[in-house]
C-alpha atoms as a PDB file:
ATOM      1  CA  MET A   1      -1.234   6.429 -19.076  1.00  0.00           C
ATOM      2  CA  PHE A   2       0.231   6.979 -15.616  1.00  0.00           C
ATOM      3  CA  GLY A   3       3.683   5.367 -15.734  1.00  0.00           C
ATOM      4  CA  THR A   4       5.006   8.361 -13.846  1.00  0.00           C
ATOM      5  CA  ALA A   5       2.527  10.584 -12.054  1.00  0.00           C
ATOM      6  CA  PRO A   6       1.644  13.457 -14.375  1.00  0.00           C
ATOM      7  CA  TRP A   7       1.098  17.007 -13.237  1.00  0.00           C
ATOM      8  CA  PHE A   8      -2.115  18.819 -14.183  1.00  0.00           C
ATOM      9  CA  ASP A   9      -0.448  20.597 -17.115  1.00  0.00           C
ATOM     10  CA  ASP A  10       0.675  17.233 -18.551  1.00  0.00           C
ATOM     11  CA  LEU A  11      -2.899  15.876 -18.835  1.00  0.00           C
ATOM     12  CA  GLN A  12      -4.938  15.720 -22.040  1.00  0.00           C
ATOM     13  CA  GLU A  13      -8.665  15.507 -22.602  1.00  0.00           C
ATOM     14  CA  GLY A  14      -9.633  12.077 -23.907  1.00  0.00           C
ATOM     15  CA  ALA A  15      -6.814  10.288 -22.079  1.00  0.00           C
ATOM     16  CA  SER A  16      -7.660   7.033 -20.304  1.00  0.00           C
ATOM     17  CA  VAL A  17      -7.400   6.573 -16.562  1.00  0.00           C
ATOM     18  CA  PRO A  18      -6.692   2.908 -15.822  1.00  0.00           C
ATOM     19  CA  GLY A  19      -8.690   1.025 -13.231  1.00  0.00           C
ATOM     20  CA  ARG A  20      -8.628  -2.256 -11.379  1.00  0.00           C
ATOM     21  CA  GLY A  21     -11.249  -4.881 -10.586  1.00  0.00           C
ATOM     22  CA  ARG A  22     -12.707  -6.133  -7.324  1.00  0.00           C
ATOM     23  CA  THR A  23     -15.085  -8.896  -6.320  1.00  0.00           C
ATOM     24  CA  VAL A  24     -17.920  -7.642  -4.109  1.00  0.00           C
ATOM     25  CA  THR A  25     -18.388  -9.948  -1.122  1.00  0.00           C
ATOM     26  CA  GLU A  26     -20.986 -10.445   1.573  1.00  0.00           C
ATOM     27  CA  ALA A  27     -18.495  -9.006   4.066  1.00  0.00           C
ATOM     28  CA  ASP A  28     -18.303  -5.819   1.957  1.00  0.00           C
ATOM     29  CA  VAL A  29     -22.082  -5.414   1.967  1.00  0.00           C
ATOM     30  CA  VAL A  30     -22.427  -6.129   5.710  1.00  0.00           C
ATOM     31  CA  ALA A  31     -19.583  -3.727   6.553  1.00  0.00           C
ATOM     32  CA  PHE A  32     -21.114  -0.991   4.366  1.00  0.00           C
ATOM     33  CA  ALA A  33     -24.546  -1.503   5.955  1.00  0.00           C
ATOM     34  CA  THR A  34     -22.965  -1.262   9.402  1.00  0.00           C
ATOM     35  CA  LEU A  35     -20.971   1.876   8.557  1.00  0.00           C
ATOM     36  CA  THR A  36     -23.868   3.707   6.920  1.00  0.00           C
ATOM     37  CA  GLY A  37     -26.867   2.352   8.811  1.00  0.00           C
ATOM     38  CA  ASP A  38     -28.478   1.290   5.507  1.00  0.00           C
ATOM     39  CA  PHE A  39     -29.926  -2.090   6.410  1.00  0.00           C
ATOM     40  CA  HIS A  40     -32.471  -2.200   3.581  1.00  0.00           C
ATOM     41  CA  PRO A  41     -33.517  -5.842   3.250  1.00  0.00           C
ATOM     42  CA  GLN A  42     -32.623  -5.759  -0.468  1.00  0.00           C
ATOM     43  CA  HIS A  43     -29.000  -5.788   0.708  1.00  0.00           C
ATOM     44  CA  VAL A  44     -29.016  -7.763   3.957  1.00  0.00           C
ATOM     45  CA  ASP A  45     -31.989 -10.168   3.981  1.00  0.00           C
ATOM     46  CA  GLU A  46     -31.760 -13.129   1.591  1.00  0.00           C
ATOM     47  CA  ALA A  47     -35.340 -14.360   2.213  1.00  0.00           C
ATOM     48  CA  TRP A  48     -36.899 -10.916   1.745  1.00  0.00           C
ATOM     49  CA  SER A  49     -34.815 -10.044  -1.326  1.00  0.00           C
ATOM     50  CA  ALA A  50     -35.472 -13.404  -3.040  1.00  0.00           C
ATOM     51  CA  ASP A  51     -38.969 -12.182  -3.912  1.00  0.00           C
ATOM     52  CA  GLY A  52     -37.719  -8.718  -4.919  1.00  0.00           C
ATOM     53  CA  PRO A  53     -37.039  -7.334  -8.377  1.00  0.00           C
ATOM     54  CA  PHE A  54     -33.471  -8.693  -8.478  1.00  0.00           C
ATOM     55  CA  GLY A  55     -34.186 -12.208  -7.227  1.00  0.00           C
ATOM     56  CA  GLY A  56     -31.710 -11.944  -4.340  1.00  0.00           C
ATOM     57  CA  ARG A  57     -29.403  -9.662  -2.448  1.00  0.00           C
ATOM     58  CA  VAL A  58     -27.510  -6.929  -4.256  1.00  0.00           C
ATOM     59  CA  ALA A  59     -24.784  -4.505  -3.192  1.00  0.00           C
ATOM     60  CA  HIS A  60     -25.637  -0.953  -2.182  1.00  0.00           C
ATOM     61  CA  GLY A  61     -25.339   1.439  -5.106  1.00  0.00           C
ATOM     62  CA  MET A  62     -23.259   3.859  -3.062  1.00  0.00           C
ATOM     63  CA  LEU A  63     -20.864   1.028  -2.162  1.00  0.00           C
ATOM     64  CA  ILE A  64     -20.329   0.381  -5.863  1.00  0.00           C
ATOM     65  CA  ALA A  65     -19.814   4.100  -6.580  1.00  0.00           C
ATOM     66  CA  SER A  66     -17.306   4.338  -3.716  1.00  0.00           C
ATOM     67  CA  TYR A  67     -15.419   1.283  -4.935  1.00  0.00           C
ATOM     68  CA  ALA A  68     -15.310   2.721  -8.451  1.00  0.00           C
ATOM     69  CA  VAL A  69     -13.480   5.857  -7.311  1.00  0.00           C
ATOM     70  CA  GLY A  70     -11.041   3.771  -5.280  1.00  0.00           C
ATOM     71  CA  LEU A  71     -10.444   1.343  -8.142  1.00  0.00           C
ATOM     72  CA  LEU A  72      -9.287   4.111 -10.481  1.00  0.00           C
ATOM     73  CA  GLN A  73      -5.531   4.279 -10.541  1.00  0.00           C
ATOM     74  CA  LEU A  74      -5.287   7.985  -9.847  1.00  0.00           C
ATOM     75  CA  PRO A  75      -1.837   9.155  -8.728  1.00  0.00           C
ATOM     76  CA  PHE A  76      -2.506   9.931  -5.070  1.00  0.00           C
ATOM     77  CA  GLU A  77       0.521  12.207  -4.799  1.00  0.00           C
ATOM     78  CA  ARG A  78      -1.037  14.518  -7.412  1.00  0.00           C
ATOM     79  CA  ILE A  79      -4.659  14.535  -6.205  1.00  0.00           C
ATOM     80  CA  VAL A  80      -5.537  17.277  -3.722  1.00  0.00           C
ATOM     81  CA  ALA A  81      -9.172  16.260  -3.212  1.00  0.00           C
ATOM     82  CA  LEU A  82     -12.250  14.675  -4.728  1.00  0.00           C
ATOM     83  CA  ARG A  83     -14.477  17.703  -5.256  1.00  0.00           C
ATOM     84  CA  ARG A  84     -17.682  16.353  -6.738  1.00  0.00           C
ATOM     85  CA  VAL A  85     -19.502  13.261  -7.924  1.00  0.00           C
ATOM     86  CA  LYS A  86     -22.192  14.085 -10.450  1.00  0.00           C
ATOM     87  CA  ASP A  87     -24.590  12.368 -12.808  1.00  0.00           C
ATOM     88  CA  LEU A  88     -24.370   9.076 -10.899  1.00  0.00           C
ATOM     89  CA  THR A  89     -26.653   6.550 -12.601  1.00  0.00           C
ATOM     90  CA  PHE A  90     -27.103   2.890 -11.722  1.00  0.00           C
ATOM     91  CA  LYS A  91     -27.889   0.676 -14.709  1.00  0.00           C
ATOM     92  CA  ARG A  92     -27.766  -2.894 -13.351  1.00  0.00           C
ATOM     93  CA  PRO A  93     -27.543  -4.519  -9.931  1.00  0.00           C
ATOM     94  CA  VAL A  94     -24.278  -5.931  -8.599  1.00  0.00           C
ATOM     95  CA  ARG A  95     -24.814  -9.251  -6.863  1.00  0.00           C
ATOM     96  CA  LEU A  96     -22.675 -10.609  -4.064  1.00  0.00           C
ATOM     97  CA  GLY A  97     -19.792 -12.447  -5.719  1.00  0.00           C
ATOM     98  CA  ASP A  98     -19.811 -10.257  -8.863  1.00  0.00           C
ATOM     99  CA  THR A  99     -16.550  -8.682  -9.964  1.00  0.00           C
ATOM    100  CA  ILE A 100     -16.667  -5.037 -10.986  1.00  0.00           C
ATOM    101  CA  ARG A 101     -14.060  -2.986 -12.827  1.00  0.00           C
ATOM    102  CA  ALA A 102     -13.734   0.793 -13.101  1.00  0.00           C
ATOM    103  CA  GLU A 103     -12.399   2.740 -16.049  1.00  0.00           C
ATOM    104  CA  ALA A 104     -12.401   6.432 -16.811  1.00  0.00           C
ATOM    105  CA  THR A 105     -11.625   9.009 -19.457  1.00  0.00           C
ATOM    106  CA  ILE A 106     -10.521  12.578 -18.838  1.00  0.00           C
ATOM    107  CA  GLU A 107     -13.446  14.626 -20.090  1.00  0.00           C
ATOM    108  CA  ALA A 108     -12.418  18.193 -19.217  1.00  0.00           C
ATOM    109  CA  LEU A 109      -9.529  20.186 -17.787  1.00  0.00           C
ATOM    110  CA  ARG A 110     -10.046  23.568 -16.153  1.00  0.00           C
ATOM    111  CA  ASP A 111      -7.410  25.978 -14.858  1.00  0.00           C
ATOM    112  CA  LEU A 112      -8.010  27.074 -11.279  1.00  0.00           C
ATOM    113  CA  ASP A 113      -4.848  28.693  -9.950  1.00  0.00           C
ATOM    114  CA  ASP A 114      -1.084  28.209  -9.860  1.00  0.00           C
ATOM    115  CA  GLN A 115      -1.445  25.336  -7.347  1.00  0.00           C
ATOM    116  CA  ALA A 116      -4.026  23.037  -9.017  1.00  0.00           C
ATOM    117  CA  GLY A 117      -6.479  22.498 -11.830  1.00  0.00           C
ATOM    118  CA  MET A 118      -9.864  20.762 -12.007  1.00  0.00           C
ATOM    119  CA  VAL A 119     -10.035  17.441 -13.834  1.00  0.00           C
ATOM    120  CA  THR A 120     -13.404  15.949 -14.792  1.00  0.00           C
ATOM    121  CA  CYS A 121     -13.343  12.214 -15.433  1.00  0.00           C
ATOM    122  CA  ARG A 122     -16.191  10.223 -16.975  1.00  0.00           C
ATOM    123  CA  VAL A 123     -16.268   6.939 -15.036  1.00  0.00           C
ATOM    124  CA  LYS A 124     -17.789   3.610 -16.081  1.00  0.00           C
ATOM    125  CA  VAL A 125     -18.305   0.702 -13.704  1.00  0.00           C
ATOM    126  CA  LEU A 126     -18.424  -2.588 -15.572  1.00  0.00           C
ATOM    127  CA  GLY A 127     -19.700  -5.899 -14.258  1.00  0.00           C
ATOM    128  CA  ALA A 128     -19.884  -9.448 -15.564  1.00  0.00           C
ATOM    129  CA  GLY A 129     -19.313  -9.685 -19.308  1.00  0.00           C
ATOM    130  CA  GLY A 130     -18.306  -6.015 -19.451  1.00  0.00           C
ATOM    131  CA  GLN A 131     -21.885  -4.839 -18.912  1.00  0.00           C
ATOM    132  CA  LEU A 132     -22.309  -1.295 -17.655  1.00  0.00           C
ATOM    133  CA  VAL A 133     -23.556  -1.329 -14.044  1.00  0.00           C
ATOM    134  CA  ALA A 134     -23.060   2.375 -13.220  1.00  0.00           C
ATOM    135  CA  ARG A 135     -21.674   5.590 -14.627  1.00  0.00           C
ATOM    136  CA  MET A 136     -20.794   8.964 -13.197  1.00  0.00           C
ATOM    137  CA  ALA A 137     -18.526  11.940 -13.534  1.00  0.00           C
ATOM    138  CA  ILE A 138     -16.037  12.901 -10.858  1.00  0.00           C
ATOM    139  CA  GLU A 139     -14.168  16.144 -10.415  1.00  0.00           C
ATOM    140  CA  VAL A 140     -10.779  16.102  -8.724  1.00  0.00           C
ATOM    141  CA  LEU A 141      -8.360  18.874  -7.822  1.00  0.00           C
ATOM    142  CA  TRP A 142      -5.043  17.908  -9.446  1.00  0.00           C
ATOM    143  CA  ARG A 143      -1.719  19.445  -8.440  1.00  0.00           C
ATOM    144  CA  ARG A 144       0.356  21.590 -10.743  1.00  0.00           C
ATOM    145  CA  GLU A 145       4.107  21.280 -10.758  1.00  0.00           C
ATOM    146  CA  GLN A 146       5.603  24.072  -8.705  1.00  0.00           C
ATOM    147  CA  PRO A 147       8.477  25.746 -10.522  1.00  0.00           C
ATOM    148  CA  VAL A 148      11.718  25.738  -8.631  1.00  0.00           C
ATOM    149  CA  ALA A 149      12.614  29.377  -8.053  1.00  0.00           C
ATOM    150  CA  ALA A 150      16.136  30.321  -8.924  1.00  0.00           C
ATOM    151  CA  PRO A 151      18.024  31.626  -5.915  1.00  0.00           C
ATOM    152  CA  GLU A 152      18.103  35.398  -5.874  1.00  0.00           C
ATOM    153  CA  GLU A 153      21.478  36.981  -6.281  1.00  0.00           C
ATOM    154  CA  PRO A 154      22.118  39.454  -3.475  1.00  0.00           C
ATOM    155  CA  SER A 155      22.634  43.003  -4.639  1.00  0.00           C
ATOM    156  CA  VAL A 156      25.786  44.932  -3.841  1.00  0.00           C
ATOM    157  CA  ASP A 157      23.737  47.199  -1.539  1.00  0.00           C
ATOM    158  CA  ASP A 158      22.416  44.135   0.388  1.00  0.00           C
ATOM    159  CA  ALA A 159      25.938  42.760   0.776  1.00  0.00           C
ATOM    160  CA  LEU A 160      27.298  46.109   2.055  1.00  0.00           C
ATOM    161  CA  ALA A 161      24.336  46.526   4.432  1.00  0.00           C
ATOM    162  CA  SER A 162      24.926  43.064   5.912  1.00  0.00           C
ATOM    163  CA  LEU A 163      28.567  43.951   6.598  1.00  0.00           C
ATOM    164  CA  ALA A 164      27.541  47.124   8.438  1.00  0.00           C
ATOM    165  CA  ARG A 165      25.119  45.298  10.778  1.00  0.00           C
ATOM    166  CA  PRO A 166      26.519  44.233  14.126  1.00  0.00           C
ATOM    167  CA  ARG A 167      26.771  40.473  14.343  1.00  0.00           C
ATOM    168  CA  THR A 168      25.196  38.668  17.272  1.00  0.00           C
ATOM    169  CA  PRO A 169      25.848  35.027  17.938  1.00  0.00           C
ATOM    170  CA  ALA A 170      22.972  32.654  17.324  1.00  0.00           C
ATOM    171  CA  PHE A 171      23.581  31.014  20.702  1.00  0.00           C
ATOM    172  CA  VAL A 172      24.854  32.683  23.818  1.00  0.00           C
ATOM    173  CA  ALA A 173      25.839  30.637  26.839  1.00  0.00           C
ATOM    174  CA  ILE A 174      24.620  32.182  30.084  1.00  0.00           C
ATOM    175  CA  PRO A 175      26.546  31.103  33.160  1.00  0.00           C
ATOM    176  CA  PHE A 176      24.479  30.140  36.215  1.00  0.00           C
END
């Protein structure tokens, strides 16, 4: 859909937002645990997690949600900000070494002002075999194209008034 970056007014509900894939590695999980302080053994302890409900270590859900937003091929030059993540639901675990892929559909468009509009995208995160691992909706502020204002023609009165004003140079040299 996004060969050239569309403006808000060019978007249509139901349009697809392309996404990319990424393999989740041990380094990703360790880095996320370090950044967030979430060292739950389900994510960082192989021996502990082996007896858990998933039979081994899995990636943090919030890591997967964060990757999903980054994997969407949103045109950065048009996005003002990510405003909200809502209805985030995790359906299946993502194991270290799994490849995930994000895809989205534009669900709603809402006018805000002459600068931007609100775009709601329904996002799916797919894992091995195309199975749904998570879903959510995101809201982003999307730029509107700013019309180029035509230069104003000076009025006759403005032109005459400018002639009557004394002219001062923009730069005056002052001797020392």
